[in-house]
Amino acid sequence: MKELKTPVRITIADGKKIDAVAMGTVGLKLMDGTSVTLSDVLYIPEVEGSLISVAKLAEKDVVAQFSKDKYVFRYGDATVMEAMRCGNAYKLKIVGDEVCHAATASHKEPWAVVHARLGNIPFKRYEQLLTMADEVPRIADAPSNHVCAGCCMGKMREDNFSRNPENTVKSAGVLDLIHSDVMGPMQTKTPGGCTYAVTFIDDFSRHVTVYFMKKKAQVLEKFKMFKADMENA
């Protein structure tokens, strides 16, 4: 069922006007096991029963043949469905009548669920989406107290490194300032069985050296090797 933006006004037998608030497709399973699909079905909350329009079926080339005790709907040479007379009306025998009633009820989800399904959409954008598209999921609660952990983490950021010249350390020669970083453990080992790597960058010469390690505790050992190599270069 899809909620109608503008309700359809219907006049019933006693002259009262009622509104259809949704339209959709309903599947019926008849007593003989046959499945029938009805399209453009209107949902009217004030009407308890379900009515089938013979005129609408005729528009689909379905022919109704009435008799004293029943009527038969035919499409071409095939019998689509039958209804038995009950008082002054004819009633279809279907399976799972309560399921059809349940299908007409609008289902609402908590805002946290809708928010996540729509890609962490802000509530204001969600309100805009309601006016721009059909079948947007409806929410069952107000989002005022909802805190999304993913949104909070996504909005966090680290401060930029200071670019103030007064705080910048300048190197005057080799080994005055070394930039270093450690990477690992890596899933794939090197041919020598290493899963870590450490880099040393000399700020003055911009010389870069990479050492592979089997364990993180070897950083100091690799730095001593780097220092010795730079001093002897």
Foldseek 3Di string as FASTA:
>chain_A
DWFDPDWDWDADDVRDIFTFGDFAKDWWQAPVRDIDIDHRATHTVVDDDGDDDPVVVVVVVWDWADDDFKIWIDRVPDTRAIFTDDPPDTHGHTPPPVVRVVVPDADAAAPVVLCVVVPNDDPVVVVVVVVVDIPRHHHDDDCPPDDDPVVVVVPDDDDDDDPPPVPDDDDPDWPRDKDKDKDDQAPDADPVQFRIKMWIATRPVRDIDMDTDNDPVCPVVVVVVVVVVRVVD
